[in-house]
Amino acid sequence: MISYIEHPSPVGILLIAATDNGICGIYFEEHKHFKGKDGWQAALTQSAAAQHLQRTAQQLDEYFSGKRTEFDVPLDLAGTDFQRSVWQELSAIPFGKSVSYAQHAQRLGNPKALRAVGSAIGKNPISIIVPCHRVIGSSGAVTGYAGGLERKRFLLALEDIAVN
């Protein structure tokens, strides 16, 4: 069962979703790949999922206020093995740093899989915590973001990452 909360942030309302195992989604309003919350329930109980949601909301608030550079909430990532490997590598990009899509494919050991890597990055279900916003174009341009380019620019500026 997936539980969720809607949480205000400087980039709009975030829909944070969790199972008892961990956070399984952070979606922006008008998120490109969000399929809806059919079958989800509002987090009203003291379940493990509700605790994950509360802790994540607190850590996101700390991130947006400049007090947090790393997250330590459990994640419950659902995707193909390839997608999970791409998302795992995203988590290795440190706060305040960026990589290009080509560099990310290289880091995965498969530089020819650039399109597949880009597609997997775009389908990352856990925005901000799995920092797909830290992947930029080879020229340093802000490209592709399921939450919208303005949100990506905001997150990059928050982390003091220079872009074109």
N, C-alpha and C. Protein backbone atom coordinates (compact mmCIF):
# COMPACT_ATOMS: atom_id res chain seq x y z
N MET A 1 0.84 -1.18 0.00
CA MET A 1 0.00 0.00 0.00
C MET A 1 0.88 1.24 0.00
N ILE A 2 0.53 2.19 -0.82
CA ILE A 2 1.27 3.45 -0.90
C ILE A 2 0.48 4.53 -0.17
N SER A 3 1.15 5.21 0.74
CA SER A 3 0.57 6.34 1.45
C SER A 3 1.24 7.61 0.93
N TYR A 4 0.56 8.73 1.09
CA TYR A 4 1.14 9.97 0.59
C TYR A 4 0.72 11.16 1.44
N ILE A 5 1.50 12.23 1.27
CA ILE A 5 1.14 13.53 1.81
C ILE A 5 1.43 14.56 0.73
N GLU A 6 0.79 15.69 0.82
CA GLU A 6 1.10 16.83 -0.03
C GLU A 6 1.81 17.83 0.85
N HIS A 7 2.99 18.26 0.40
CA HIS A 7 3.85 19.09 1.24
C HIS A 7 4.26 20.37 0.50
N PRO A 8 4.04 21.54 1.11
CA PRO A 8 4.44 22.78 0.44
C PRO A 8 5.95 22.93 0.40
N SER A 9 6.43 23.55 -0.68
CA SER A 9 7.87 23.80 -0.83
C SER A 9 8.05 25.04 -1.70
N PRO A 10 9.26 25.56 -1.78
CA PRO A 10 9.51 26.71 -2.66
C PRO A 10 9.30 26.43 -4.15
N VAL A 11 9.22 25.16 -4.53
CA VAL A 11 8.99 24.80 -5.93
C VAL A 11 7.57 24.28 -6.15
N GLY A 12 6.68 24.59 -5.23
CA GLY A 12 5.29 24.16 -5.33
C GLY A 12 4.99 22.99 -4.41
N ILE A 13 3.77 22.54 -4.47
CA ILE A 13 3.35 21.41 -3.66
C ILE A 13 4.05 20.15 -4.14
N LEU A 14 4.66 19.43 -3.20
CA LEU A 14 5.29 18.14 -3.50
C LEU A 14 4.36 17.03 -3.02
N LEU A 15 4.14 16.05 -3.85
CA LEU A 15 3.41 14.87 -3.44
C LEU A 15 4.48 13.84 -3.07
N ILE A 16 4.55 13.50 -1.79
CA ILE A 16 5.55 12.56 -1.29
C ILE A 16 4.83 11.24 -1.01
N ALA A 17 5.33 10.16 -1.56
CA ALA A 17 4.70 8.85 -1.44
C ALA A 17 5.65 7.87 -0.77
N ALA A 18 5.08 6.95 0.02
CA ALA A 18 5.91 5.96 0.71
C ALA A 18 5.15 4.66 0.90
N THR A 19 5.92 3.60 0.98
CA THR A 19 5.44 2.31 1.45
C THR A 19 6.02 2.12 2.84
N ASP A 20 5.72 1.01 3.47
CA ASP A 20 6.34 0.74 4.77
C ASP A 20 7.84 0.55 4.64
N ASN A 21 8.33 0.27 3.43
CA ASN A 21 9.77 0.06 3.21
C ASN A 21 10.54 1.35 3.00
N GLY A 22 9.88 2.41 2.56
CA GLY A 22 10.57 3.67 2.33
C GLY A 22 9.86 4.56 1.33
N ILE A 23 10.51 5.67 1.00
CA ILE A 23 9.96 6.64 0.06
C ILE A 23 9.98 6.04 -1.34
N CYS A 24 8.85 6.13 -2.03
CA CYS A 24 8.77 5.57 -3.38
C CYS A 24 8.45 6.63 -4.42
N GLY A 25 8.23 7.86 -4.00
CA GLY A 25 7.97 8.91 -4.97
C GLY A 25 7.98 10.30 -4.36
N ILE A 26 8.53 11.25 -5.11
CA ILE A 26 8.37 12.67 -4.81
C ILE A 26 8.07 13.32 -6.15
N TYR A 27 6.86 13.84 -6.26
CA TYR A 27 6.39 14.38 -7.53
C TYR A 27 6.00 15.84 -7.37
N PHE A 28 6.30 16.62 -8.41
CA PHE A 28 5.89 18.02 -8.48
C PHE A 28 4.49 18.10 -9.07
N GLU A 29 3.84 19.22 -8.87
CA GLU A 29 2.60 19.48 -9.59
C GLU A 29 2.94 19.46 -11.08
N GLU A 30 2.10 18.87 -11.87
CA GLU A 30 2.30 18.77 -13.32
C GLU A 30 3.56 17.99 -13.68
N HIS A 31 3.93 17.02 -12.88
CA HIS A 31 5.11 16.18 -13.12
C HIS A 31 4.86 15.35 -14.38
N LYS A 32 5.81 15.36 -15.28
CA LYS A 32 5.64 14.73 -16.59
C LYS A 32 5.31 13.24 -16.53
N HIS A 33 5.95 12.48 -15.65
CA HIS A 33 5.77 11.02 -15.65
C HIS A 33 4.90 10.51 -14.50
N PHE A 34 4.22 11.40 -13.79
CA PHE A 34 3.37 10.95 -12.68
C PHE A 34 2.09 10.35 -13.23
N LYS A 35 1.78 9.15 -12.77
CA LYS A 35 0.63 8.42 -13.31
C LYS A 35 -0.63 8.56 -12.45
N GLY A 36 -0.56 9.33 -11.39
CA GLY A 36 -1.73 9.52 -10.54
C GLY A 36 -1.66 8.68 -9.28
N LYS A 37 -2.51 9.01 -8.35
CA LYS A 37 -2.47 8.34 -7.05
C LYS A 37 -3.63 7.38 -6.84
N ASP A 38 -4.15 6.82 -7.92
CA ASP A 38 -5.22 5.82 -7.79
C ASP A 38 -4.74 4.66 -6.92
N GLY A 39 -5.52 4.32 -5.94
CA GLY A 39 -5.18 3.22 -5.04
C GLY A 39 -4.28 3.63 -3.89
N TRP A 40 -3.85 4.86 -3.85
CA TRP A 40 -3.03 5.33 -2.74
C TRP A 40 -3.95 5.81 -1.63
N GLN A 41 -3.41 5.95 -0.45
CA GLN A 41 -4.21 6.46 0.67
C GLN A 41 -3.46 7.60 1.35
N ALA A 42 -4.21 8.55 1.84
CA ALA A 42 -3.60 9.63 2.61
C ALA A 42 -3.02 9.03 3.88
N ALA A 43 -1.85 9.50 4.26
CA ALA A 43 -1.16 8.97 5.44
C ALA A 43 -1.80 9.55 6.70
N LEU A 44 -2.58 8.74 7.38
CA LEU A 44 -3.27 9.21 8.58
C LEU A 44 -2.89 8.41 9.82
N THR A 45 -2.15 7.35 9.63
CA THR A 45 -1.85 6.47 10.76
C THR A 45 -0.38 6.58 11.13
N GLN A 46 -0.02 5.92 12.18
CA GLN A 46 1.37 5.88 12.62
C GLN A 46 2.09 4.68 12.02
N SER A 47 1.83 4.38 10.79
CA SER A 47 2.49 3.28 10.10
C SER A 47 3.94 3.67 9.80
N ALA A 48 4.73 2.70 9.38
CA ALA A 48 6.10 2.99 8.97
C ALA A 48 6.10 3.97 7.81
N ALA A 49 5.15 3.81 6.88
CA ALA A 49 5.06 4.73 5.74
C ALA A 49 4.84 6.16 6.22
N ALA A 50 3.94 6.36 7.16
CA ALA A 50 3.66 7.70 7.69
C ALA A 50 4.91 8.29 8.34
N GLN A 51 5.69 7.48 9.01
CA GLN A 51 6.93 7.97 9.63
C GLN A 51 7.95 8.36 8.56
N HIS A 52 8.05 7.57 7.48
CA HIS A 52 8.95 7.91 6.37
C HIS A 52 8.53 9.25 5.75
N LEU A 53 7.23 9.44 5.59
CA LEU A 53 6.72 10.68 4.99
C LEU A 53 7.05 11.89 5.85
N GLN A 54 6.82 11.77 7.14
CA GLN A 54 7.09 12.88 8.06
C GLN A 54 8.58 13.23 8.06
N ARG A 55 9.42 12.22 8.13
CA ARG A 55 10.87 12.44 8.15
C ARG A 55 11.35 13.06 6.84
N THR A 56 10.80 12.61 5.72
CA THR A 56 11.18 13.15 4.42
C THR A 56 10.76 14.62 4.29
N ALA A 57 9.54 14.93 4.71
CA ALA A 57 9.08 16.32 4.66
C ALA A 57 10.00 17.22 5.47
N GLN A 58 10.40 16.77 6.65
CA GLN A 58 11.32 17.55 7.49
C GLN A 58 12.67 17.74 6.79
N GLN A 59 13.20 16.67 6.21
CA GLN A 59 14.50 16.78 5.54
C GLN A 59 14.42 17.66 4.29
N LEU A 60 13.31 17.62 3.57
CA LEU A 60 13.15 18.50 2.41
C LEU A 60 13.10 19.96 2.86
N ASP A 61 12.40 20.24 3.96
CA ASP A 61 12.38 21.61 4.50
C ASP A 61 13.79 22.07 4.85
N GLU A 62 14.58 21.19 5.45
CA GLU A 62 15.96 21.52 5.80
C GLU A 62 16.79 21.77 4.54
N TYR A 63 16.59 20.97 3.52
CA TYR A 63 17.29 21.14 2.23
C TYR A 63 16.96 22.51 1.64
N PHE A 64 15.69 22.84 1.57
CA PHE A 64 15.28 24.11 0.98
C PHE A 64 15.74 25.32 1.79
N SER A 65 15.95 25.13 3.09
CA SER A 65 16.42 26.25 3.93
C SER A 65 17.95 26.32 3.99
N GLY A 66 18.63 25.42 3.27
CA GLY A 66 20.09 25.45 3.21
C GLY A 66 20.77 24.74 4.37
N LYS A 67 20.02 23.99 5.16
CA LYS A 67 20.58 23.30 6.33
C LYS A 67 20.91 21.84 6.08
N ARG A 68 20.59 21.32 4.90
CA ARG A 68 20.82 19.89 4.61
C ARG A 68 21.38 19.74 3.20
N THR A 69 22.42 18.91 3.08
CA THR A 69 23.00 18.63 1.77
C THR A 69 22.89 17.16 1.39
N GLU A 70 22.49 16.32 2.33
CA GLU A 70 22.30 14.88 2.08
C GLU A 70 21.02 14.43 2.75
N PHE A 71 20.40 13.41 2.17
CA PHE A 71 19.18 12.84 2.74
C PHE A 71 19.51 11.45 3.27
N ASP A 72 18.82 11.07 4.34
CA ASP A 72 19.06 9.74 4.90
C ASP A 72 17.75 9.02 5.21
N VAL A 73 16.82 9.13 4.28
CA VAL A 73 15.56 8.40 4.43
C VAL A 73 15.64 7.12 3.60
N PRO A 74 14.98 6.06 4.04
CA PRO A 74 14.99 4.82 3.25
C PRO A 74 14.18 5.00 1.97
N LEU A 75 14.67 4.40 0.90
CA LEU A 75 14.00 4.50 -0.40
C LEU A 75 13.44 3.14 -0.80
N ASP A 76 12.34 3.16 -1.51
CA ASP A 76 11.72 1.96 -2.06
C ASP A 76 11.52 2.21 -3.56
N LEU A 77 12.61 2.09 -4.31
CA LEU A 77 12.60 2.39 -5.74
C LEU A 77 12.05 1.22 -6.54
N ALA A 78 11.03 1.48 -7.33
CA ALA A 78 10.46 0.46 -8.20
C ALA A 78 10.78 0.81 -9.64
N GLY A 79 11.42 -0.09 -10.33
CA GLY A 79 11.77 0.12 -11.74
C GLY A 79 12.51 -1.10 -12.24
N THR A 80 12.93 -1.03 -13.48
CA THR A 80 13.70 -2.14 -14.03
C THR A 80 15.09 -2.15 -13.38
N ASP A 81 15.81 -3.23 -13.56
CA ASP A 81 17.18 -3.28 -13.04
C ASP A 81 18.03 -2.15 -13.61
N PHE A 82 17.86 -1.89 -14.91
CA PHE A 82 18.62 -0.82 -15.56
C PHE A 82 18.26 0.54 -14.96
N GLN A 83 16.97 0.82 -14.81
CA GLN A 83 16.55 2.10 -14.22
C GLN A 83 17.11 2.26 -12.81
N ARG A 84 17.01 1.21 -12.01
CA ARG A 84 17.51 1.30 -10.63
C ARG A 84 19.01 1.55 -10.61
N SER A 85 19.75 0.97 -11.57
CA SER A 85 21.20 1.22 -11.61
C SER A 85 21.48 2.68 -11.97
N VAL A 86 20.70 3.23 -12.89
CA VAL A 86 20.85 4.65 -13.26
C VAL A 86 20.53 5.52 -12.07
N TRP A 87 19.46 5.22 -11.35
CA TRP A 87 19.05 6.03 -10.19
C TRP A 87 20.05 5.90 -9.06
N GLN A 88 20.59 4.71 -8.88
CA GLN A 88 21.61 4.49 -7.84
C GLN A 88 22.82 5.39 -8.10
N GLU A 89 23.23 5.45 -9.36
CA GLU A 89 24.38 6.28 -9.73
C GLU A 89 24.05 7.77 -9.58
N LEU A 90 22.79 8.15 -9.81
CA LEU A 90 22.39 9.54 -9.55
C LEU A 90 22.65 9.91 -8.10
N SER A 91 22.37 8.98 -7.21
CA SER A 91 22.53 9.24 -5.77
C SER A 91 23.98 9.47 -5.39
N ALA A 92 24.91 9.09 -6.26
CA ALA A 92 26.34 9.29 -5.99
C ALA A 92 26.83 10.68 -6.40
N ILE A 93 25.99 11.45 -7.08
CA ILE A 93 26.39 12.81 -7.47
C ILE A 93 26.25 13.69 -6.23
N PRO A 94 27.36 14.27 -5.75
CA PRO A 94 27.29 15.05 -4.51
C PRO A 94 26.54 16.37 -4.66
N PHE A 95 26.03 16.84 -3.56
CA PHE A 95 25.41 18.15 -3.47
C PHE A 95 26.36 19.19 -4.06
N GLY A 96 25.82 20.09 -4.86
CA GLY A 96 26.63 21.17 -5.40
C GLY A 96 27.47 20.80 -6.61
N LYS A 97 27.33 19.58 -7.11
CA LYS A 97 28.08 19.12 -8.29
C LYS A 97 27.09 18.70 -9.37
N SER A 98 27.56 18.71 -10.60
CA SER A 98 26.72 18.25 -11.70
C SER A 98 27.55 17.37 -12.62
N VAL A 99 26.85 16.58 -13.41
CA VAL A 99 27.47 15.77 -14.46
C VAL A 99 26.61 15.92 -15.71
N SER A 100 27.19 15.65 -16.85
CA SER A 100 26.40 15.66 -18.08
C SER A 100 25.74 14.29 -18.25
N TYR A 101 24.78 14.24 -19.15
CA TYR A 101 24.15 12.95 -19.46
C TYR A 101 25.20 11.97 -19.97
N ALA A 102 26.12 12.45 -20.80
CA ALA A 102 27.18 11.58 -21.35
C ALA A 102 28.09 11.08 -20.23
N GLN A 103 28.45 11.95 -19.30
CA GLN A 103 29.28 11.53 -18.17
C GLN A 103 28.56 10.50 -17.32
N HIS A 104 27.25 10.68 -17.16
CA HIS A 104 26.49 9.73 -16.35
C HIS A 104 26.48 8.36 -17.02
N ALA A 105 26.28 8.33 -18.33
CA ALA A 105 26.32 7.05 -19.06
C ALA A 105 27.70 6.42 -18.93
N GLN A 106 28.75 7.24 -19.00
CA GLN A 106 30.12 6.75 -18.83
C GLN A 106 30.32 6.16 -17.44
N ARG A 107 29.82 6.85 -16.42
CA ARG A 107 29.96 6.39 -15.03
C ARG A 107 29.27 5.03 -14.84
N LEU A 108 28.24 4.78 -15.64
CA LEU A 108 27.54 3.50 -15.58
C LEU A 108 28.26 2.41 -16.37
N GLY A 109 29.34 2.81 -17.07
CA GLY A 109 30.10 1.85 -17.85
C GLY A 109 29.50 1.55 -19.20
N ASN A 110 28.58 2.41 -19.66
CA ASN A 110 27.92 2.16 -20.92
C ASN A 110 27.72 3.47 -21.68
N PRO A 111 28.80 4.08 -22.19
CA PRO A 111 28.69 5.40 -22.81
C PRO A 111 27.82 5.43 -24.07
N LYS A 112 27.58 4.30 -24.69
CA LYS A 112 26.75 4.27 -25.89
C LYS A 112 25.25 4.23 -25.56
N ALA A 113 24.93 4.06 -24.30
CA ALA A 113 23.52 3.97 -23.89
C ALA A 113 22.96 5.32 -23.48
N LEU A 114 23.44 6.38 -24.10
CA LEU A 114 23.08 7.73 -23.70
C LEU A 114 21.57 7.97 -23.69
N ARG A 115 20.88 7.56 -24.73
CA ARG A 115 19.42 7.76 -24.79
C ARG A 115 18.70 6.97 -23.72
N ALA A 116 19.10 5.72 -23.53
CA ALA A 116 18.46 4.89 -22.50
C ALA A 116 18.71 5.46 -21.11
N VAL A 117 19.92 5.95 -20.89
CA VAL A 117 20.25 6.56 -19.59
C VAL A 117 19.40 7.82 -19.40
N GLY A 118 19.31 8.66 -20.43
CA GLY A 118 18.49 9.86 -20.34
C GLY A 118 17.04 9.55 -20.06
N SER A 119 16.52 8.51 -20.70
CA SER A 119 15.13 8.10 -20.47
C SER A 119 14.92 7.64 -19.03
N ALA A 120 15.85 6.84 -18.52
CA ALA A 120 15.75 6.37 -17.14
C ALA A 120 15.84 7.53 -16.15
N ILE A 121 16.72 8.48 -16.43
CA ILE A 121 16.84 9.65 -15.56
C ILE A 121 15.50 10.40 -15.53
N GLY A 122 14.89 10.56 -16.69
CA GLY A 122 13.61 11.26 -16.77
C GLY A 122 12.49 10.58 -16.02
N LYS A 123 12.61 9.28 -15.83
CA LYS A 123 11.56 8.52 -15.14
C LYS A 123 11.86 8.30 -13.66
N ASN A 124 12.89 8.96 -13.15
CA ASN A 124 13.21 8.88 -11.73
C ASN A 124 11.99 9.27 -10.90
N PRO A 125 11.49 8.38 -10.05
CA PRO A 125 10.28 8.70 -9.29
C PRO A 125 10.53 9.52 -8.02
N ILE A 126 11.78 9.67 -7.63
CA ILE A 126 12.06 10.34 -6.35
C ILE A 126 12.87 11.60 -6.59
N SER A 127 12.17 12.63 -7.08
CA SER A 127 12.83 13.91 -7.36
C SER A 127 13.51 14.45 -6.11
N ILE A 128 14.53 15.22 -6.33
CA ILE A 128 15.32 15.94 -5.32
C ILE A 128 16.21 14.98 -4.54
N ILE A 129 15.65 13.99 -3.88
CA ILE A 129 16.46 13.06 -3.07
C ILE A 129 17.34 12.19 -3.97
N VAL A 130 16.79 11.69 -5.06
CA VAL A 130 17.59 11.03 -6.09
C VAL A 130 17.80 12.14 -7.12
N PRO A 131 18.95 12.80 -7.06
CA PRO A 131 19.12 14.13 -7.65
C PRO A 131 19.32 14.17 -9.17
N CYS A 132 18.27 13.85 -9.90
CA CYS A 132 18.34 13.92 -11.36
C CYS A 132 18.50 15.36 -11.84
N HIS A 133 18.18 16.33 -11.00
CA HIS A 133 18.37 17.74 -11.39
C HIS A 133 19.84 18.08 -11.55
N ARG A 134 20.74 17.27 -11.03
CA ARG A 134 22.18 17.52 -11.13
C ARG A 134 22.78 17.03 -12.44
N VAL A 135 21.95 16.50 -13.34
CA VAL A 135 22.42 16.06 -14.65
C VAL A 135 22.02 17.13 -15.66
N ILE A 136 23.03 17.65 -16.37
CA ILE A 136 22.80 18.75 -17.30
C ILE A 136 23.36 18.37 -18.68
N GLY A 137 23.10 19.20 -19.65
CA GLY A 137 23.61 18.97 -21.00
C GLY A 137 25.13 19.10 -21.04
N SER A 138 25.75 18.49 -22.04
CA SER A 138 27.21 18.53 -22.18
C SER A 138 27.75 19.95 -22.29
N SER A 139 26.94 20.86 -22.82
CA SER A 139 27.37 22.25 -22.97
C SER A 139 27.18 23.05 -21.68
N GLY A 140 26.61 22.41 -20.66
CA GLY A 140 26.31 23.11 -19.42
C GLY A 140 24.91 23.68 -19.39
N ALA A 141 24.13 23.39 -20.41
CA ALA A 141 22.76 23.89 -20.50
C ALA A 141 21.81 23.07 -19.64
N VAL A 142 20.79 23.72 -19.15
CA VAL A 142 19.73 23.05 -18.40
C VAL A 142 18.79 22.41 -19.41
N THR A 143 18.74 21.09 -19.38
CA THR A 143 17.89 20.35 -20.31
C THR A 143 17.10 19.31 -19.55
N GLY A 144 15.95 18.95 -20.08
CA GLY A 144 15.13 17.86 -19.59
C GLY A 144 14.94 17.78 -18.09
N TYR A 145 13.70 17.88 -17.65
CA TYR A 145 13.38 17.67 -16.24
C TYR A 145 11.89 17.44 -16.15
N ALA A 146 11.49 16.31 -15.59
CA ALA A 146 10.07 15.95 -15.53
C ALA A 146 9.26 16.95 -14.72
N GLY A 147 9.90 17.67 -13.81
CA GLY A 147 9.21 18.68 -13.02
C GLY A 147 9.21 20.06 -13.66
N GLY A 148 9.84 20.19 -14.81
CA GLY A 148 9.90 21.48 -15.50
C GLY A 148 11.26 22.14 -15.34
N LEU A 149 11.69 22.82 -16.38
CA LEU A 149 13.02 23.43 -16.38
C LEU A 149 13.18 24.53 -15.33
N GLU A 150 12.12 25.26 -15.04
CA GLU A 150 12.23 26.32 -14.01
C GLU A 150 12.53 25.71 -12.64
N ARG A 151 11.92 24.59 -12.34
CA ARG A 151 12.21 23.92 -11.06
C ARG A 151 13.65 23.40 -11.04
N LYS A 152 14.09 22.86 -12.18
CA LYS A 152 15.46 22.37 -12.25
C LYS A 152 16.44 23.52 -12.03
N ARG A 153 16.19 24.65 -12.67
CA ARG A 153 17.04 25.83 -12.48
C ARG A 153 17.05 26.27 -11.02
N PHE A 154 15.89 26.25 -10.38
CA PHE A 154 15.80 26.63 -8.98
C PHE A 154 16.66 25.71 -8.12
N LEU A 155 16.54 24.40 -8.33
CA LEU A 155 17.30 23.43 -7.53
C LEU A 155 18.80 23.57 -7.77
N LEU A 156 19.19 23.78 -9.01
CA LEU A 156 20.61 23.98 -9.32
C LEU A 156 21.13 25.25 -8.65
N ALA A 157 20.35 26.32 -8.68
CA ALA A 157 20.76 27.58 -8.03
C ALA A 157 20.83 27.39 -6.52
N LEU A 158 19.90 26.65 -5.95
CA LEU A 158 19.91 26.38 -4.52
C LEU A 158 21.21 25.70 -4.10
N GLU A 159 21.72 24.83 -4.97
CA GLU A 159 22.95 24.11 -4.70
C GLU A 159 24.18 24.84 -5.25
N ASP A 160 23.97 26.04 -5.76
CA ASP A 160 25.04 26.88 -6.29
C ASP A 160 25.80 26.20 -7.43
N ILE A 161 25.05 25.52 -8.30
CA ILE A 161 25.62 24.86 -9.48
C ILE A 161 25.46 25.81 -10.66
N ALA A 162 26.55 26.21 -11.24
CA ALA A 162 26.53 27.14 -12.37
C ALA A 162 26.13 26.40 -13.64
N VAL A 163 25.22 26.99 -14.40
CA VAL A 163 24.77 26.41 -15.67
C VAL A 163 24.67 27.54 -16.70
N ASN A 164 24.56 27.13 -17.96
CA ASN A 164 24.38 28.11 -19.05
C ASN A 164 22.92 28.50 -19.15
